[in-house]
């Protein structure tokens, strides 16, 4: 005998829709600004021949795509799941993040190789033009930071978008510093050094993103969760005799899920006690661990059902 449970939550539609609309507006403005930065810096990198500006352009391109994904995610979250997309579009951001991380690593590797080459043989850089494009990029980034700052605490999506723009602003600072050093000292290697500095900013971040996306795509247990500890917590509940087929993973970056078969005493199924235990299990996985599992699929089993399943597994 078994029992299932569908777990849901209510919310105030007006408040949620208003909050999401505000988030989408902020993200749309920030994306528009960042897209303009990409275009301006792409032109600037061609005109100046600057490695630092080229690297920062690639950085800004990835940040712009990240903001676009954040904007899409903020819009898609309002769309209900369907029979063919039971989790909606939660994994789009993961696939996009994987592509972004790969691009950042390629750009960072190219910059490292080219930067080391330019340290020995630096090209002539138009410092005046470089300074102008760097300043334009920084100014635009500061405006985008101002747009996103007010909403960065509303969701993980908004926080990530804010950090994208903040990180890109640091790249623009590197470009400006390189332009000033070249302009006033003639030290042409400053451009290569700035490029290496920007690469040092983006590669570790790219590796972290790549690791996190692969963990989700490979359906690893969410970071910080110990399934042995989860099992111990569940076994400590009254009348719970066994826990098996315990799995935890993430559909998206902020959508952890967990499933388990929980064996309880036979007499619990003769009353509403099994349902009470089910509620306790849901409360446990939602509140007792570093990751809150709001989506839990729990199958309640009697010892007899568990014994039959175990026997079938032995003969499979």
C-alpha atoms as a PDB file:
ATOM      1  CA  UNK A   1       0.000   0.000   0.000  1.00  0.00           C
ATOM      2  CA  UNK A   2       1.301   3.435  -0.781  1.00  0.00           C
ATOM      3  CA  UNK A   3       0.292   7.054  -0.608  1.00  0.00           C
ATOM      4  CA  UNK A   4       1.326  10.027  -2.719  1.00  0.00           C
ATOM      5  CA  UNK A   5       1.352  13.755  -2.083  1.00  0.00           C
ATOM      6  CA  UNK A   6       1.202  16.827  -4.281  1.00  0.00           C
ATOM      7  CA  UNK A   7       2.882  19.807  -2.687  1.00  0.00           C
ATOM      8  CA  UNK A   8       1.778  23.326  -3.598  1.00  0.00           C
ATOM      9  CA  UNK A   9       1.784  26.857  -2.251  1.00  0.00           C
ATOM     10  CA  UNK A  10      -0.538  29.792  -2.622  1.00  0.00           C
ATOM     11  CA  UNK A  11       0.486  33.372  -3.272  1.00  0.00           C
ATOM     12  CA  UNK A  12      -0.973  36.743  -3.912  1.00  0.00           C
ATOM     13  CA  UNK A  13      -1.079  37.061  -7.715  1.00  0.00           C
ATOM     14  CA  UNK A  14      -1.215  40.826  -7.815  1.00  0.00           C
ATOM     15  CA  UNK A  15       1.868  41.282  -5.669  1.00  0.00           C
ATOM     16  CA  UNK A  16       3.862  38.568  -7.465  1.00  0.00           C
ATOM     17  CA  UNK A  17       2.947  39.809 -10.937  1.00  0.00           C
ATOM     18  CA  UNK A  18       3.820  43.377  -9.990  1.00  0.00           C
ATOM     19  CA  UNK A  19       7.182  42.298  -8.608  1.00  0.00           C
ATOM     20  CA  UNK A  20       7.980  40.232 -11.706  1.00  0.00           C
ATOM     21  CA  UNK A  21       6.945  43.100 -13.985  1.00  0.00           C
ATOM     22  CA  UNK A  22       9.315  45.448 -12.148  1.00  0.00           C
ATOM     23  CA  UNK A  23      12.124  42.887 -12.390  1.00  0.00           C
ATOM     24  CA  UNK A  24      11.559  42.469 -16.117  1.00  0.00           C
ATOM     25  CA  UNK A  25      11.619  46.238 -16.644  1.00  0.00           C
ATOM     26  CA  UNK A  26      14.913  46.577 -14.751  1.00  0.00           C
ATOM     27  CA  UNK A  27      16.450  43.681 -16.660  1.00  0.00           C
ATOM     28  CA  UNK A  28      15.245  44.999 -20.029  1.00  0.00           C
ATOM     29  CA  UNK A  29      16.854  48.405 -19.388  1.00  0.00           C
ATOM     30  CA  UNK A  30      20.093  46.845 -18.161  1.00  0.00           C
ATOM     31  CA  UNK A  31      20.207  44.497 -21.169  1.00  0.00           C
ATOM     32  CA  UNK A  32      19.677  47.396 -23.593  1.00  0.00           C
ATOM     33  CA  UNK A  33      22.519  49.349 -21.982  1.00  0.00           C
ATOM     34  CA  UNK A  34      24.870  46.367 -21.973  1.00  0.00           C
ATOM     35  CA  UNK A  35      24.070  45.543 -25.612  1.00  0.00           C
ATOM     36  CA  UNK A  36      25.048  49.106 -26.549  1.00  0.00           C
ATOM     37  CA  UNK A  37      28.296  48.660 -24.587  1.00  0.00           C
ATOM     38  CA  UNK A  38      29.079  45.532 -26.615  1.00  0.00           C
ATOM     39  CA  UNK A  39      28.541  47.349 -29.918  1.00  0.00           C
ATOM     40  CA  UNK A  40      30.583  50.387 -28.872  1.00  0.00           C
ATOM     41  CA  UNK A  41      33.458  48.341 -27.481  1.00  0.00           C
ATOM     42  CA  UNK A  42      33.510  46.042 -30.521  1.00  0.00           C
ATOM     43  CA  UNK A  43      34.006  49.100 -32.729  1.00  0.00           C
ATOM     44  CA  UNK A  44      36.567  50.447 -30.277  1.00  0.00           C
ATOM     45  CA  UNK A  45      38.598  47.219 -30.189  1.00  0.00           C
ATOM     46  CA  UNK A  46      38.867  47.304 -33.998  1.00  0.00           C
ATOM     47  CA  UNK A  47      39.836  50.981 -34.090  1.00  0.00           C
ATOM     48  CA  UNK A  48      42.374  50.831 -31.253  1.00  0.00           C
ATOM     49  CA  UNK A  49      43.724  47.279 -31.644  1.00  0.00           C
ATOM     50  CA  UNK A  50      43.513  46.933 -27.869  1.00  0.00           C
ATOM     51  CA  UNK A  51      43.619  43.421 -26.393  1.00  0.00           C
ATOM     52  CA  UNK A  52      42.159  44.736 -23.131  1.00  0.00           C
ATOM     53  CA  UNK A  53      39.189  46.274 -24.933  1.00  0.00           C
ATOM     54  CA  UNK A  54      38.703  43.157 -27.077  1.00  0.00           C
ATOM     55  CA  UNK A  55      38.674  40.973 -23.958  1.00  0.00           C
ATOM     56  CA  UNK A  56      36.292  43.326 -22.183  1.00  0.00           C
ATOM     57  CA  UNK A  57      34.041  43.297 -25.274  1.00  0.00           C
ATOM     58  CA  UNK A  58      33.801  39.502 -25.097  1.00  0.00           C
ATOM     59  CA  UNK A  59      33.184  39.824 -21.370  1.00  0.00           C
ATOM     60  CA  UNK A  60      30.415  42.353 -21.988  1.00  0.00           C
ATOM     61  CA  UNK A  61      28.929  40.108 -24.700  1.00  0.00           C
ATOM     62  CA  UNK A  62      28.653  37.229 -22.249  1.00  0.00           C
ATOM     63  CA  UNK A  63      27.213  39.552 -19.614  1.00  0.00           C
ATOM     64  CA  UNK A  64      24.654  40.834 -22.117  1.00  0.00           C
ATOM     65  CA  UNK A  65      23.616  37.283 -22.967  1.00  0.00           C
ATOM     66  CA  UNK A  66      23.395  36.547 -19.242  1.00  0.00           C
ATOM     67  CA  UNK A  67      21.083  39.531 -18.779  1.00  0.00           C
ATOM     68  CA  UNK A  68      19.012  38.383 -21.751  1.00  0.00           C
ATOM     69  CA  UNK A  69      18.673  34.936 -20.191  1.00  0.00           C
ATOM     70  CA  UNK A  70      17.737  36.554 -16.879  1.00  0.00           C
ATOM     71  CA  UNK A  71      15.110  38.620 -18.708  1.00  0.00           C
ATOM     72  CA  UNK A  72      13.750  35.524 -20.432  1.00  0.00           C
ATOM     73  CA  UNK A  73      13.724  33.634 -17.137  1.00  0.00           C
ATOM     74  CA  UNK A  74      11.845  36.471 -15.419  1.00  0.00           C
ATOM     75  CA  UNK A  75       9.256  36.279 -18.200  1.00  0.00           C
ATOM     76  CA  UNK A  76       9.086  32.483 -18.436  1.00  0.00           C
ATOM     77  CA  UNK A  77       8.545  32.096 -14.702  1.00  0.00           C
ATOM     78  CA  UNK A  78       5.077  33.543 -15.229  1.00  0.00           C
ATOM     79  CA  UNK A  79       4.206  30.849 -17.760  1.00  0.00           C
ATOM     80  CA  UNK A  80       2.570  27.711 -16.372  1.00  0.00           C
ATOM     81  CA  UNK A  81       4.058  24.272 -16.930  1.00  0.00           C
ATOM     82  CA  UNK A  82       2.411  22.005 -19.475  1.00  0.00           C
ATOM     83  CA  UNK A  83       2.031  18.283 -20.059  1.00  0.00           C
ATOM     84  CA  UNK A  84       5.027  18.373 -22.400  1.00  0.00           C
ATOM     85  CA  UNK A  85       7.111  20.819 -20.303  1.00  0.00           C
ATOM     86  CA  UNK A  86       6.365  19.719 -16.758  1.00  0.00           C
ATOM     87  CA  UNK A  87       9.065  21.993 -15.319  1.00  0.00           C
ATOM     88  CA  UNK A  88       8.419  24.835 -17.737  1.00  0.00           C
ATOM     89  CA  UNK A  89      11.620  26.483 -18.979  1.00  0.00           C
ATOM     90  CA  UNK A  90      13.653  26.118 -15.798  1.00  0.00           C
ATOM     91  CA  UNK A  91      16.631  24.514 -17.546  1.00  0.00           C
ATOM     92  CA  UNK A  92      17.074  27.167 -20.260  1.00  0.00           C
ATOM     93  CA  UNK A  93      19.213  29.267 -17.905  1.00  0.00           C
ATOM     94  CA  UNK A  94      21.435  26.237 -17.180  1.00  0.00           C
ATOM     95  CA  UNK A  95      22.089  25.506 -20.865  1.00  0.00           C
ATOM     96  CA  UNK A  96      22.761  29.189 -21.534  1.00  0.00           C
ATOM     97  CA  UNK A  97      25.125  29.379 -18.571  1.00  0.00           C
ATOM     98  CA  UNK A  98      27.033  26.374 -19.934  1.00  0.00           C
ATOM     99  CA  UNK A  99      27.459  28.143 -23.284  1.00  0.00           C
ATOM    100  CA  UNK A 100      28.530  31.368 -21.566  1.00  0.00           C
ATOM    101  CA  UNK A 101      31.083  29.587 -19.392  1.00  0.00           C
ATOM    102  CA  UNK A 102      32.558  27.817 -22.413  1.00  0.00           C
ATOM    103  CA  UNK A 103      32.857  31.105 -24.318  1.00  0.00           C
ATOM    104  CA  UNK A 104      34.478  32.836 -21.332  1.00  0.00           C
ATOM    105  CA  UNK A 105      37.057  30.069 -20.963  1.00  0.00           C
ATOM    106  CA  UNK A 106      37.902  30.264 -24.684  1.00  0.00           C
ATOM    107  CA  UNK A 107      38.233  34.054 -24.503  1.00  0.00           C
ATOM    108  CA  UNK A 108      40.286  33.851 -21.311  1.00  0.00           C
ATOM    109  CA  UNK A 109      42.650  31.283 -22.813  1.00  0.00           C
ATOM    110  CA  UNK A 110      43.105  33.356 -25.978  1.00  0.00           C
ATOM    111  CA  UNK A 111      43.730  36.477 -23.907  1.00  0.00           C
ATOM    112  CA  UNK A 112      46.326  34.726 -21.756  1.00  0.00           C
ATOM    113  CA  UNK A 113      48.250  33.465 -24.790  1.00  0.00           C
ATOM    114  CA  UNK A 114      47.955  36.717 -26.746  1.00  0.00           C
ATOM    115  CA  UNK A 115      48.683  38.825 -23.660  1.00  0.00           C
ATOM    116  CA  UNK A 116      51.923  36.981 -22.948  1.00  0.00           C
ATOM    117  CA  UNK A 117      52.934  37.379 -26.600  1.00  0.00           C
ATOM    118  CA  UNK A 118      52.185  41.118 -26.530  1.00  0.00           C
ATOM    119  CA  UNK A 119      54.244  41.613 -23.377  1.00  0.00           C
ATOM    120  CA  UNK A 120      57.324  40.807 -25.465  1.00  0.00           C
ATOM    121  CA  UNK A 121      56.170  42.573 -28.623  1.00  0.00           C
ATOM    122  CA  UNK A 122      53.527  45.197 -27.742  1.00  0.00           C
ATOM    123  CA  UNK A 123      51.675  46.864 -30.641  1.00  0.00           C
ATOM    124  CA  UNK A 124      51.080  50.602 -30.754  1.00  0.00           C
ATOM    125  CA  UNK A 125      47.782  51.390 -29.001  1.00  0.00           C
ATOM    126  CA  UNK A 126      45.742  54.555 -29.584  1.00  0.00           C
ATOM    127  CA  UNK A 127      45.467  55.518 -25.922  1.00  0.00           C
ATOM    128  CA  UNK A 128      43.109  58.456 -26.487  1.00  0.00           C
ATOM    129  CA  UNK A 129      40.518  56.367 -28.278  1.00  0.00           C
ATOM    130  CA  UNK A 130      40.991  53.538 -25.782  1.00  0.00           C
ATOM    131  CA  UNK A 131      40.313  55.938 -22.916  1.00  0.00           C
ATOM    132  CA  UNK A 132      37.125  57.202 -24.552  1.00  0.00           C
ATOM    133  CA  UNK A 133      35.721  53.718 -25.166  1.00  0.00           C
ATOM    134  CA  UNK A 134      36.709  52.580 -21.678  1.00  0.00           C
ATOM    135  CA  UNK A 135      35.018  55.595 -20.105  1.00  0.00           C
ATOM    136  CA  UNK A 136      31.853  55.078 -22.178  1.00  0.00           C
ATOM    137  CA  UNK A 137      31.756  51.454 -21.105  1.00  0.00           C
ATOM    138  CA  UNK A 138      32.223  52.315 -17.433  1.00  0.00           C
ATOM    139  CA  UNK A 139      29.582  55.065 -17.516  1.00  0.00           C
ATOM    140  CA  UNK A 140      27.054  52.768 -19.159  1.00  0.00           C
ATOM    141  CA  UNK A 141      27.830  50.018 -16.650  1.00  0.00           C
ATOM    142  CA  UNK A 142      27.332  52.413 -13.741  1.00  0.00           C
ATOM    143  CA  UNK A 143      23.910  53.346 -15.115  1.00  0.00           C
ATOM    144  CA  UNK A 144      23.005  49.644 -15.442  1.00  0.00           C
ATOM    145  CA  UNK A 145      24.235  49.027 -11.883  1.00  0.00           C
ATOM    146  CA  UNK A 146      21.974  51.838 -10.673  1.00  0.00           C
ATOM    147  CA  UNK A 147      19.004  50.314 -12.513  1.00  0.00           C
ATOM    148  CA  UNK A 148      19.530  46.835 -11.048  1.00  0.00           C
ATOM    149  CA  UNK A 149      20.683  47.817  -7.555  1.00  0.00           C
ATOM    150  CA  UNK A 150      17.175  48.445  -6.239  1.00  0.00           C
ATOM    151  CA  UNK A 151      15.963  44.968  -7.172  1.00  0.00           C
ATOM    152  CA  UNK A 152      19.045  42.842  -6.556  1.00  0.00           C
ATOM    153  CA  UNK A 153      17.596  41.406  -3.350  1.00  0.00           C
ATOM    154  CA  UNK A 154      14.255  40.376  -4.854  1.00  0.00           C
ATOM    155  CA  UNK A 155      15.464  37.085  -6.347  1.00  0.00           C
ATOM    156  CA  UNK A 156      18.541  35.012  -7.166  1.00  0.00           C
ATOM    157  CA  UNK A 157      17.937  35.862 -10.808  1.00  0.00           C
ATOM    158  CA  UNK A 158      18.190  39.614 -10.119  1.00  0.00           C
ATOM    159  CA  UNK A 159      21.207  39.165  -7.852  1.00  0.00           C
ATOM    160  CA  UNK A 160      23.062  37.256 -10.580  1.00  0.00           C
ATOM    161  CA  UNK A 161      22.206  39.943 -13.134  1.00  0.00           C
ATOM    162  CA  UNK A 162      23.499  42.675 -10.800  1.00  0.00           C
ATOM    163  CA  UNK A 163      26.786  40.803 -10.318  1.00  0.00           C
ATOM    164  CA  UNK A 164      27.119  40.379 -14.108  1.00  0.00           C
ATOM    165  CA  UNK A 165      27.057  44.146 -14.633  1.00  0.00           C
ATOM    166  CA  UNK A 166      29.247  44.892 -11.609  1.00  0.00           C
ATOM    167  CA  UNK A 167      31.889  42.474 -12.871  1.00  0.00           C
ATOM    168  CA  UNK A 168      31.806  44.072 -16.318  1.00  0.00           C
ATOM    169  CA  UNK A 169      32.336  47.512 -14.750  1.00  0.00           C
ATOM    170  CA  UNK A 170      35.589  46.227 -13.250  1.00  0.00           C
ATOM    171  CA  UNK A 171      36.691  45.249 -16.747  1.00  0.00           C
ATOM    172  CA  UNK A 172      36.015  48.788 -17.967  1.00  0.00           C
ATOM    173  CA  UNK A 173      38.120  50.142 -15.093  1.00  0.00           C
ATOM    174  CA  UNK A 174      40.983  47.918 -16.294  1.00  0.00           C
ATOM    175  CA  UNK A 175      40.674  49.360 -19.804  1.00  0.00           C
ATOM    176  CA  UNK A 176      40.718  52.950 -18.470  1.00  0.00           C
ATOM    177  CA  UNK A 177      43.777  52.305 -16.308  1.00  0.00           C
ATOM    178  CA  UNK A 178      45.627  50.796 -19.277  1.00  0.00           C
ATOM    179  CA  UNK A 179      44.743  53.802 -21.457  1.00  0.00           C
ATOM    180  CA  UNK A 180      45.966  56.263 -18.822  1.00  0.00           C
ATOM    181  CA  UNK A 181      49.231  54.391 -18.267  1.00  0.00           C
ATOM    182  CA  UNK A 182      49.929  54.260 -22.004  1.00  0.00           C
ATOM    183  CA  UNK A 183      48.990  57.904 -22.486  1.00  0.00           C
ATOM    184  CA  UNK A 184      51.177  59.308 -19.714  1.00  0.00           C
ATOM    185  CA  UNK A 185      54.073  56.823 -19.559  1.00  0.00           C
ATOM    186  CA  UNK A 186      54.203  55.268 -23.033  1.00  0.00           C
ATOM    187  CA  UNK A 187      54.251  51.808 -21.427  1.00  0.00           C
ATOM    188  CA  UNK A 188      52.489  49.895 -24.228  1.00  0.00           C
ATOM    189  CA  UNK A 189      52.543  46.623 -22.298  1.00  0.00           C
ATOM    190  CA  UNK A 190      49.871  48.096 -20.017  1.00  0.00           C
ATOM    191  CA  UNK A 191      47.237  47.005 -22.540  1.00  0.00           C
ATOM    192  CA  UNK A 192      48.387  43.386 -22.406  1.00  0.00           C
ATOM    193  CA  UNK A 193      48.539  43.514 -18.610  1.00  0.00           C
ATOM    194  CA  UNK A 194      45.005  44.909 -18.474  1.00  0.00           C
ATOM    195  CA  UNK A 195      43.852  42.123 -20.785  1.00  0.00           C
ATOM    196  CA  UNK A 196      45.445  39.551 -18.499  1.00  0.00           C
ATOM    197  CA  UNK A 197      43.787  41.244 -15.496  1.00  0.00           C
ATOM    198  CA  UNK A 198      40.348  41.010 -17.118  1.00  0.00           C
ATOM    199  CA  UNK A 199      41.015  37.382 -18.060  1.00  0.00           C
ATOM    200  CA  UNK A 200      41.958  36.694 -14.434  1.00  0.00           C
ATOM    201  CA  UNK A 201      38.575  38.142 -13.432  1.00  0.00           C
ATOM    202  CA  UNK A 202      36.484  36.114 -15.836  1.00  0.00           C
ATOM    203  CA  UNK A 203      38.160  32.679 -16.022  1.00  0.00           C
ATOM    204  CA  UNK A 204      37.689  31.658 -12.351  1.00  0.00           C
ATOM    205  CA  UNK A 205      34.068  32.799 -12.597  1.00  0.00           C
ATOM    206  CA  UNK A 206      33.649  30.800 -15.807  1.00  0.00           C
ATOM    207  CA  UNK A 207      35.067  27.680 -14.177  1.00  0.00           C
ATOM    208  CA  UNK A 208      32.634  28.061 -11.261  1.00  0.00           C
ATOM    209  CA  UNK A 209      29.705  28.506 -13.655  1.00  0.00           C
ATOM    210  CA  UNK A 210      30.835  25.494 -15.694  1.00  0.00           C
ATOM    211  CA  UNK A 211      31.105  23.371 -12.543  1.00  0.00           C
ATOM    212  CA  UNK A 212      27.674  24.448 -11.303  1.00  0.00           C
ATOM    213  CA  UNK A 213      25.961  23.832 -14.647  1.00  0.00           C
ATOM    214  CA  UNK A 214      27.540  20.394 -15.026  1.00  0.00           C
ATOM    215  CA  UNK A 215      26.415  19.485 -11.516  1.00  0.00           C
ATOM    216  CA  UNK A 216      22.823  20.325 -12.489  1.00  0.00           C
ATOM    217  CA  UNK A 217      22.960  18.611 -15.901  1.00  0.00           C
ATOM    218  CA  UNK A 218      24.512  15.487 -14.369  1.00  0.00           C
ATOM    219  CA  UNK A 219      21.814  15.625 -11.660  1.00  0.00           C
ATOM    220  CA  UNK A 220      24.248  15.681  -8.760  1.00  0.00           C
ATOM    221  CA  UNK A 221      22.898  16.163  -5.270  1.00  0.00           C
ATOM    222  CA  UNK A 222      22.598  19.938  -4.626  1.00  0.00           C
ATOM    223  CA  UNK A 223      25.714  21.390  -3.052  1.00  0.00           C
ATOM    224  CA  UNK A 224      25.555  21.454   0.748  1.00  0.00           C
ATOM    225  CA  UNK A 225      23.112  18.538   0.993  1.00  0.00           C
ATOM    226  CA  UNK A 226      24.227  15.215   2.514  1.00  0.00           C
ATOM    227  CA  UNK A 227      21.722  12.489   1.635  1.00  0.00           C
ATOM    228  CA  UNK A 228      22.982  10.313   4.502  1.00  0.00           C
ATOM    229  CA  UNK A 229      22.007  13.140   6.846  1.00  0.00           C
ATOM    230  CA  UNK A 230      18.607  13.450   5.131  1.00  0.00           C
ATOM    231  CA  UNK A 231      18.033   9.721   5.568  1.00  0.00           C
ATOM    232  CA  UNK A 232      18.950   9.926   9.277  1.00  0.00           C
ATOM    233  CA  UNK A 233      16.491  12.789   9.801  1.00  0.00           C
ATOM    234  CA  UNK A 234      13.677  10.866   8.141  1.00  0.00           C
ATOM    235  CA  UNK A 235      14.441   7.661  10.035  1.00  0.00           C
ATOM    236  CA  UNK A 236      14.229   9.632  13.270  1.00  0.00           C
ATOM    237  CA  UNK A 237      10.535  10.357  12.592  1.00  0.00           C
ATOM    238  CA  UNK A 238       8.156   8.237  14.610  1.00  0.00           C
ATOM    239  CA  UNK A 239       6.985   5.007  12.885  1.00  0.00           C
ATOM    240  CA  UNK A 240       9.401   5.434   9.949  1.00  0.00           C
ATOM    241  CA  UNK A 241      11.138   2.064   9.518  1.00  0.00           C
ATOM    242  CA  UNK A 242      13.165   2.537   6.355  1.00  0.00           C
ATOM    243  CA  UNK A 243      14.023   5.065   3.632  1.00  0.00           C
ATOM    244  CA  UNK A 244      15.171   3.915   0.192  1.00  0.00           C
ATOM    245  CA  UNK A 245      15.396   5.164  -3.402  1.00  0.00           C
ATOM    246  CA  UNK A 246      16.382   8.559  -1.995  1.00  0.00           C
ATOM    247  CA  UNK A 247      17.388  10.983  -4.760  1.00  0.00           C
ATOM    248  CA  UNK A 248      17.992  14.729  -4.872  1.00  0.00           C
ATOM    249  CA  UNK A 249      18.927  16.954  -7.806  1.00  0.00           C
ATOM    250  CA  UNK A 250      18.144  20.341  -9.357  1.00  0.00           C
ATOM    251  CA  UNK A 251      16.031  21.141 -12.394  1.00  0.00           C
ATOM    252  CA  UNK A 252      17.368  24.713 -12.491  1.00  0.00           C
ATOM    253  CA  UNK A 253      19.727  26.836 -10.436  1.00  0.00           C
ATOM    254  CA  UNK A 254      17.015  27.557  -7.866  1.00  0.00           C
ATOM    255  CA  UNK A 255      14.717  24.559  -8.290  1.00  0.00           C
ATOM    256  CA  UNK A 256      15.947  21.641  -6.122  1.00  0.00           C
ATOM    257  CA  UNK A 257      13.864  18.460  -6.062  1.00  0.00           C
ATOM    258  CA  UNK A 258      13.905  15.342  -3.894  1.00  0.00           C
ATOM    259  CA  UNK A 259      12.193  11.956  -4.005  1.00  0.00           C
ATOM    260  CA  UNK A 260      12.104   8.990  -1.650  1.00  0.00           C
ATOM    261  CA  UNK A 261      10.263   5.828  -0.674  1.00  0.00           C
ATOM    262  CA  UNK A 262       9.436   5.921   3.034  1.00  0.00           C
ATOM    263  CA  UNK A 263       8.454   2.695   4.814  1.00  0.00           C
ATOM    264  CA  UNK A 264       6.172   3.143   7.829  1.00  0.00           C
ATOM    265  CA  UNK A 265       4.506   0.719  10.192  1.00  0.00           C
ATOM    266  CA  UNK A 266       1.562  -1.260   8.778  1.00  0.00           C
ATOM    267  CA  UNK A 267      -0.897   0.053  11.353  1.00  0.00           C
ATOM    268  CA  UNK A 268      -0.341   3.663  10.166  1.00  0.00           C
ATOM    269  CA  UNK A 269      -2.315   2.906   7.002  1.00  0.00           C
ATOM    270  CA  UNK A 270      -5.455   1.997   8.910  1.00  0.00           C
ATOM    271  CA  UNK A 271      -5.949   5.634   9.899  1.00  0.00           C
ATOM    272  CA  UNK A 272      -4.898   9.109   8.866  1.00  0.00           C
ATOM    273  CA  UNK A 273      -1.539   8.638  10.588  1.00  0.00           C
ATOM    274  CA  UNK A 274       0.246   7.847   7.324  1.00  0.00           C
ATOM    275  CA  UNK A 275      -0.806  11.227   5.962  1.00  0.00           C
ATOM    276  CA  UNK A 276       0.429  12.934   9.132  1.00  0.00           C
ATOM    277  CA  UNK A 277       3.811  11.262   8.716  1.00  0.00           C
ATOM    278  CA  UNK A 278       3.846  12.361   5.077  1.00  0.00           C
ATOM    279  CA  UNK A 279       3.359  15.969   6.174  1.00  0.00           C
ATOM    280  CA  UNK A 280       6.216  15.576   8.670  1.00  0.00           C
ATOM    281  CA  UNK A 281       8.481  14.231   5.926  1.00  0.00           C
ATOM    282  CA  UNK A 282       7.671  17.192   3.677  1.00  0.00           C
ATOM    283  CA  UNK A 283       8.281  19.623   6.514  1.00  0.00           C
ATOM    284  CA  UNK A 284      11.605  17.943   7.273  1.00  0.00           C
ATOM    285  CA  UNK A 285      13.011  18.167   3.734  1.00  0.00           C
ATOM    286  CA  UNK A 286      11.704  21.723   3.372  1.00  0.00           C
ATOM    287  CA  UNK A 287      13.145  23.189   6.581  1.00  0.00           C
ATOM    288  CA  UNK A 288      15.962  21.100   8.079  1.00  0.00           C
ATOM    289  CA  UNK A 289      18.692  21.364   5.458  1.00  0.00           C
ATOM    290  CA  UNK A 290      20.799  24.055   3.712  1.00  0.00           C
ATOM    291  CA  UNK A 291      18.655  23.603   0.593  1.00  0.00           C
ATOM    292  CA  UNK A 292      14.881  23.907   1.006  1.00  0.00           C
ATOM    293  CA  UNK A 293      13.172  21.180  -1.022  1.00  0.00           C
ATOM    294  CA  UNK A 294       9.814  22.727  -1.850  1.00  0.00           C
ATOM    295  CA  UNK A 295       9.271  20.093  -4.545  1.00  0.00           C
ATOM    296  CA  UNK A 296       9.294  16.647  -2.904  1.00  0.00           C
ATOM    297  CA  UNK A 297       7.861  13.394  -4.260  1.00  0.00           C
ATOM    298  CA  UNK A 298       7.407  10.946  -1.396  1.00  0.00           C
ATOM    299  CA  UNK A 299       5.997   7.443  -1.730  1.00  0.00           C
ATOM    300  CA  UNK A 300       4.727   5.961   1.528  1.00  0.00           C
ATOM    301  CA  UNK A 301       5.039   2.176   1.761  1.00  0.00           C
ATOM    302  CA  UNK A 302       4.039  -0.534   4.183  1.00  0.00           C
ATOM    303  CA  UNK A 303       6.645  -3.167   5.166  1.00  0.00           C
ATOM    304  CA  UNK A 304       4.794  -5.714   2.986  1.00  0.00           C
ATOM    305  CA  UNK A 305       5.029  -3.503  -0.116  1.00  0.00           C
ATOM    306  CA  UNK A 306       8.694  -2.843   0.597  1.00  0.00           C
ATOM    307  CA  UNK A 307       9.373  -6.558   0.938  1.00  0.00           C
ATOM    308  CA  UNK A 308       7.732  -7.307  -2.418  1.00  0.00           C
ATOM    309  CA  UNK A 309       9.749  -4.519  -4.107  1.00  0.00           C
ATOM    310  CA  UNK A 310      12.973  -5.859  -2.602  1.00  0.00           C
ATOM    311  CA  UNK A 311      12.139  -9.384  -3.805  1.00  0.00           C
ATOM    312  CA  UNK A 312      11.450  -8.150  -7.341  1.00  0.00           C
ATOM    313  CA  UNK A 313      14.749  -6.256  -7.349  1.00  0.00           C
ATOM    314  CA  UNK A 314      16.648  -9.437  -6.396  1.00  0.00           C
ATOM    315  CA  UNK A 315      15.116 -11.372  -9.282  1.00  0.00           C
ATOM    316  CA  UNK A 316      15.431  -8.589 -11.865  1.00  0.00           C
END
